[in-house]
Amino acid sequence: MENPKDGEDVEMHPVNDINNPNDKLLNRQRHASRASTCSQRSQRSLKRLDSDVEHTIDPDQKGVSKRKISVSRPEYHEHLKGIMGQGLSINLVFTAFIICFGSSFIIGYNIGVLNQPANLIQDFYNYTYNFDRRPDANYGVNGTDKLISQTALTTLWSLSTTFFLLGGMLGNICVGFVAEKIGRKWSIMVAHIFAFIGSAIMTPTLAARSPEMVMIGRFFIGINCGLSMGLAPMFLSEITPVNLRGAFGTCHQLAITIGIFLSSVFGLEQLLGTVNRWPYLLLLNIVPAFVSLVILPFLPESPRYLFLAKRQQDLAKKSLQFYRKRDNVSAEIEEMETEAHAAAKVEAYSMKKVLTDKSLRWPLIICVALQAAQQLSGINAIFFYSGSIFENAQVKDIPMAVLGTNAVNVGMTIVSVLIMDKLGRRVLLIFPMGLMIFTCILITVSLSLQDKVAGMSYVSIGCVIGYVIGFAVGLGPIPLMIGAELFRQGPRPQAMALGGLMNWFCNLLISISFPLIQESLKQYTFIIFIILLTLFLVFIIFKVPETKNRTIEEIANDFAPDGEHIAVEEVMDDNAGGNGEMMPLKSTQPDDVKILDSSIVSPIYFLDYVKEPQS
């Protein structure tokens, strides 16, 4: 019997034994309206694989017609998302907590750990270089020796930040290599070794009277943070179901903001921010690293890494079953199988191949541009000016006011976790960035008029808070996670390494150039960031795609369609009714065709996918 063409009438037969417990096809639980929408979209796009394929219909089945046709991989993945989206479990939440606490938290902690005790550490540098190491120096009026200049001391102090950023760049360059060689989990554990080394070098710096130990230790801590910046969001993305990927990806940034906040808390004078206790701030790095090192070995590796990189299908299935806390993970296995089939035809992705592959050009530009936008947005300038803004407003306890600003950052990032998969990435980039531009304009105006107009300092405080809110819900978390969403398994580690490298480079650029910019432009410093934010906003509006609730294959196909099709069985049923109930069907496929154990069924149309038989 010939395969019917699109639009042709087909013979209808009744459904027979629809509740057969031996059916291989399980119901795909999905909202009726959503299923209907997807079905209509698929109905328009489905194609036959071969017009000569035999069309098989059980003569005892009325109201049902079936035919084998062909669909693209993205279309195939679209119809797998019903089951793939059912994956929230205590195992997943616990693993995400360990990843974020052991990796992301350390990044934030070390970004902010030197802020509160900065004056104490600079005094230590001054005393060490001018007195401890020059006990016989004569600094009197008629003396022949001179104190080390303040500029030289400032330069030495800035090296503590520069070494940290250089270590971060080095660590980020290595992300792609180590992630592919030893896996995501073990790479994170290797990164923790550098946290221990860095803390061990920095902690005795006061006893040894050696500022150089702070600089060297910060370099090793930077390596740890650079590795973690790429590995943590990658691991989170690969263990999280598609409908929760945004929320769990944002947890990475949430842990960073909590780390910044707690480093400010511990650095208060009432706790560890004293002349003798500040080195213990640098020792606390080992706490999250130790917890992660103890627990991570007992948690499964990324299922996508096991399946697509190591070809260990059984281990990948067990890993998925652990993270989903259910036995039936066939939909996600099938999704990875189709990607593995396509990846087998492509050579391994080196850094050079990622940079030269034309199909990866735009996703790579987007990944790198968003990382640059995060650091060039002016967030560092906001925190730099916050102290003077609070001082002009006659705030009595400035450290606590700065701490409150960090708390707002944490609170709004929590909000971002809750709304990321509801509103989507584009909405949370575009509108908050508009708020950031508006507050930067107001800050520039208020700083210019604060000596002339009463109350402008309070306007500045409101703008600082508004800017932090805009940053926390959009440009803070999204650039760090979107790289894991834009790329297929092969180029993902190298692409994320390049994106992270841009992040660290722009951070280093700002740390070096901002004091010069601020000295030259003073209250008009934010004009530069207004221009940069506007340019990045235009880029996002026209070039950044929405990735919410889309599989990796669907997103990657927007940039690099591979043209590969998969044989499927199309099933049309007039007996499903209009009540939106899902119905199982008995398989009538020949033995040489593999049938998946899940299907989409809508009241009017449903698809039971089968893979094309291997030759």
Foldseek 3Di string as FASTA:
>chain_A
DWDDDQPDDDFFAAFDPQVPPPFLADALDDFQVVLVVLQVVCSVQWAAPDRPDDFDDDNRHGQKGKDKGKDALQNLLVFLQSVLVQFDDPLLVVVLVLLQLQALLLLLLVVALCPLLVVLVLVLLQCLVFPVVCVPFDPDPPGPDDGDDPVVSVVLSLLLVVLLLVLLLVLLQCQLVCCLPPHLLVLLLVLLVLLQVLLVQQLCCSVVSHPVSSNVSSNSSSSSNNNSLLSSLLQSQLLHRQQQSQLSLLSSLLSSLVSNLVSLVCCDPVHQVDNPRSSVSSNCSNVSSVVSNVPSVVAATRLLSCCQRVVNNVSSQVNNCSSRVHNDPQSVSVSSVVVSVVVVVDDFDDLVCCVPPQLNVQVLCVLQLLLLCLLLLCLVVLLVCQQVLCVLVVPPDSSVVSSVLSVLLSVLSNVLSVCCLPPFQLVLAQVLLVQLLVLLVLQLVLVVCPVPDPPSSVSNSVSSSSNSNSCSNHSSRCSSNVLSQQDDPRCSSSSSSSNSSSNSVSNSVCSVCVVVLCVVQPSCSSVSSSVSSVVSSVCSVPRPDTSRSRHSVNNSCVRPPPPDMWIWMWMWGQPLAQPFDITGHHDPDDPQWDWHHHWHDHSTTITTGIGDGDD
